[in-house]
Amino acid sequence: MTDPRIDDAREAAALLPQNSAIIYRHFGARDRAAIAQDLRRIAFHGNHLFLIGADPQLAITCGADGVHFPQRDIASAALWRERIPDWFLSSATHDMDSMIEANAAPLNAVTLSPVFKTDSPGSSKPLGASGFTKLAGLSSHPVIALGGINQKNMEHLSGTGASAIAGISMFNIKR
């Protein structure tokens, strides 16, 4: 998952193991279309799922596999499922209310965050492994753990209901 903390999303994506996923969250970058095209090529060669964050039009333009919606736009998934039934649709969730809303949406997966303390701007209080387990257990979709996950705390996700893990700063490449 990208955000402005990733120095070069393309370089980080190229290092992912085969069959991973890339969620490109461009936050209005001027060169977002070019980066999305580059990431699409990387995803194709790595057999990765490629989603665009919060921008279905960019997803169409670059040939992405689908869209990842922010929590505030979970309801948008229904419209896009009707328009492009084959897309992979996911959404962010952070609490019980958003998990309940996501359960009613035609999603393929949800991210649930933050699991652990993170340096993400505006991040809420960490759920911890037990809080994550409780909320993940309410989901009718596969749940992807996100937030503060690193090599040291990853083992705490075993048995929590996480179907996968996602990261941002754990994949950052510093020059």
Protein backbone atom coordinates (compact mmCIF):
# COMPACT_ATOMS: atom_id res chain seq x y z
CA MET A 1 0.00 0.00 0.00
CA THR A 2 1.47 3.33 -0.98
CA ASP A 3 1.21 6.78 0.48
CA PRO A 4 3.48 9.84 0.52
CA ARG A 5 5.81 8.14 3.02
CA ILE A 6 6.94 5.75 0.27
CA ASP A 7 9.89 7.36 -1.51
CA ASP A 8 9.41 5.43 -4.76
CA ALA A 9 6.33 3.22 -5.06
CA ARG A 10 7.64 1.66 -8.26
CA GLU A 11 10.92 0.58 -6.68
CA ALA A 12 9.13 -0.86 -3.64
CA ALA A 13 6.58 -2.68 -5.83
CA ALA A 14 9.31 -4.24 -7.93
CA LEU A 15 10.70 -5.93 -4.80
CA LEU A 16 7.44 -7.60 -3.74
CA PRO A 17 7.26 -11.39 -3.83
CA GLN A 18 5.20 -12.96 -6.63
CA ASN A 19 1.42 -12.95 -6.13
CA SER A 20 1.32 -9.95 -3.79
CA ALA A 21 -1.00 -6.96 -4.14
CA ILE A 22 -0.31 -3.30 -4.75
CA ILE A 23 -2.73 -0.59 -3.63
CA TYR A 24 -1.70 2.72 -5.18
CA ARG A 25 -2.95 5.65 -3.12
CA HIS A 26 -1.73 8.68 -5.03
CA PHE A 27 -3.23 11.50 -2.92
CA GLY A 28 -3.44 13.83 -5.92
CA ALA A 29 0.12 13.43 -7.22
CA ARG A 30 0.61 15.30 -10.50
CA ASP A 31 2.30 12.32 -12.13
CA ARG A 32 -0.22 9.78 -10.80
CA ALA A 33 -1.27 8.49 -14.24
CA ALA A 34 2.32 7.73 -15.26
CA ILE A 35 3.09 6.09 -11.91
CA ALA A 36 -0.13 4.06 -12.13
CA GLN A 37 0.86 2.82 -15.61
CA ASP A 38 4.32 1.85 -14.34
CA LEU A 39 2.82 0.06 -11.34
CA ARG A 40 0.37 -1.76 -13.63
CA ARG A 41 3.31 -3.14 -15.64
CA ILE A 42 5.13 -4.18 -12.46
CA ALA A 43 1.95 -5.84 -11.16
CA PHE A 44 1.48 -7.73 -14.42
CA HIS A 45 5.04 -9.06 -14.41
CA GLY A 46 4.87 -10.00 -10.72
CA ASN A 47 1.42 -11.57 -11.00
CA HIS A 48 0.20 -9.05 -8.41
CA LEU A 49 -3.30 -7.78 -7.83
CA PHE A 50 -3.28 -4.05 -8.63
CA LEU A 51 -5.79 -1.68 -7.03
CA ILE A 52 -6.12 2.08 -7.21
CA GLY A 53 -7.08 3.90 -4.03
CA ALA A 54 -10.26 5.99 -4.18
CA ASP A 55 -10.07 6.74 -7.91
CA PRO A 56 -12.16 4.46 -10.15
CA GLN A 57 -11.48 6.62 -13.21
CA LEU A 58 -7.73 6.19 -12.82
CA ALA A 59 -8.31 2.46 -12.31
CA ILE A 60 -10.15 2.33 -15.64
CA THR A 61 -7.50 4.41 -17.41
CA CYS A 62 -4.54 2.28 -16.31
CA GLY A 63 -6.29 -1.09 -16.45
CA ALA A 64 -6.15 -1.80 -12.72
CA ASP A 65 -7.77 -4.91 -11.26
CA GLY A 66 -10.04 -2.80 -9.07
CA VAL A 67 -10.36 -0.11 -6.43
CA HIS A 68 -9.64 0.25 -2.72
CA PHE A 69 -12.11 2.66 -1.11
CA PRO A 70 -11.44 4.73 2.00
CA GLN A 71 -13.79 4.12 4.92
CA ARG A 72 -15.84 7.21 4.10
CA ASP A 73 -16.63 5.79 0.62
CA ILE A 74 -17.59 2.18 1.46
CA ALA A 75 -21.05 2.76 -0.02
CA SER A 76 -19.46 3.54 -3.42
CA ALA A 77 -18.56 -0.12 -3.82
CA ALA A 78 -22.12 -1.06 -4.78
CA LEU A 79 -22.16 1.34 -7.74
CA TRP A 80 -18.80 0.15 -9.00
CA ARG A 81 -19.72 -3.53 -8.54
CA GLU A 82 -22.69 -2.89 -10.87
CA ARG A 83 -20.58 -0.99 -13.41
CA ILE A 84 -17.60 -3.36 -13.48
CA PRO A 85 -18.62 -6.70 -11.90
CA ASP A 86 -15.20 -8.33 -12.37
CA TRP A 87 -13.28 -5.73 -10.39
CA PHE A 88 -11.69 -6.59 -7.05
CA LEU A 89 -13.13 -4.12 -4.54
CA SER A 90 -11.80 -3.51 -1.06
CA SER A 91 -12.31 -0.90 1.60
CA ALA A 92 -10.64 0.46 4.68
CA THR A 93 -12.25 -0.17 8.07
CA HIS A 94 -11.17 1.13 11.44
CA ASP A 95 -13.96 0.39 13.89
CA MET A 96 -17.16 -1.58 14.49
CA ASP A 97 -19.41 0.86 12.60
CA SER A 98 -17.27 0.74 9.47
CA MET A 99 -17.02 -3.05 9.70
CA ILE A 100 -20.81 -3.32 9.83
CA GLU A 101 -21.12 -0.98 6.84
CA ALA A 102 -18.49 -2.99 4.94
CA ASN A 103 -20.38 -6.24 5.64
CA ALA A 104 -23.33 -4.84 3.68
CA ALA A 105 -21.14 -3.81 0.73
CA PRO A 106 -20.19 -6.03 -2.23
CA LEU A 107 -16.50 -6.13 -1.35
CA ASN A 108 -13.87 -8.80 -1.90
CA ALA A 109 -11.86 -7.80 1.20
CA VAL A 110 -11.35 -5.12 3.83
CA THR A 111 -8.29 -3.66 5.47
CA LEU A 112 -8.55 -3.20 9.23
CA SER A 113 -6.25 -0.70 10.88
CA PRO A 114 -4.29 0.37 12.74
CA VAL A 115 -3.33 -2.90 14.36
CA PHE A 116 -0.22 -1.53 16.04
CA LYS A 117 1.19 1.95 16.69
CA THR A 118 2.03 3.65 13.42
CA ASP A 119 3.66 6.87 12.28
CA SER A 120 0.85 7.49 9.78
CA PRO A 121 -0.50 11.05 10.07
CA GLY A 122 -3.96 11.06 11.60
CA SER A 123 -3.82 7.41 12.64
CA SER A 124 -6.20 6.45 15.40
CA LYS A 125 -5.44 4.48 18.56
CA PRO A 126 -4.03 1.03 17.75
CA LEU A 127 -6.45 -1.90 18.02
CA GLY A 128 -3.79 -4.30 19.26
CA ALA A 129 -3.97 -8.00 18.46
CA SER A 130 -7.01 -8.59 20.68
CA GLY A 131 -8.97 -5.61 19.32
CA PHE A 132 -8.10 -6.67 15.79
CA THR A 133 -9.27 -10.23 16.51
CA LYS A 134 -12.60 -8.99 17.87
CA LEU A 135 -13.35 -6.74 14.87
CA ALA A 136 -12.01 -9.20 12.28
CA GLY A 137 -14.38 -11.79 13.72
CA LEU A 138 -17.32 -9.56 12.79
CA SER A 139 -16.35 -9.33 9.12
CA SER A 140 -18.11 -11.19 6.35
CA HIS A 141 -15.12 -10.48 4.09
CA PRO A 142 -11.46 -11.53 4.27
CA VAL A 143 -9.64 -9.08 6.57
CA ILE A 144 -6.22 -7.67 5.77
CA ALA A 145 -4.24 -6.40 8.76
CA LEU A 146 -2.65 -2.96 8.35
CA GLY A 147 -0.88 -0.48 10.55
CA GLY A 148 2.44 -0.60 12.34
CA ILE A 149 3.18 -4.15 11.25
CA ASN A 150 6.84 -5.10 11.12
CA GLN A 151 9.07 -8.16 11.42
CA LYS A 152 9.07 -7.94 15.23
CA ASN A 153 5.29 -7.84 15.81
CA MET A 154 4.02 -9.79 12.80
CA GLU A 155 3.92 -13.02 14.80
CA HIS A 156 1.24 -11.49 17.06
CA LEU A 157 -1.20 -11.69 14.13
CA SER A 158 -1.24 -15.48 14.14
CA GLY A 159 -4.72 -16.69 15.05
CA THR A 160 -6.32 -13.24 14.84
CA GLY A 161 -8.39 -13.87 11.71
CA ALA A 162 -6.10 -11.87 9.43
CA SER A 163 -6.16 -13.37 5.95
CA ALA A 164 -3.20 -11.23 4.86
CA ILE A 165 -1.03 -8.33 5.99
CA ALA A 166 -0.47 -4.98 4.35
CA GLY A 167 2.18 -2.41 4.99
CA ILE A 168 3.34 1.01 4.02
CA SER A 169 6.50 2.10 5.81
CA MET A 170 7.70 -1.52 6.17
CA PHE A 171 8.20 -1.49 2.39
CA ASN A 172 9.83 1.92 2.12
CA ILE A 173 13.22 1.99 0.46
CA LYS A 174 15.53 4.68 1.81
CA ARG A 175 18.35 5.93 -0.33
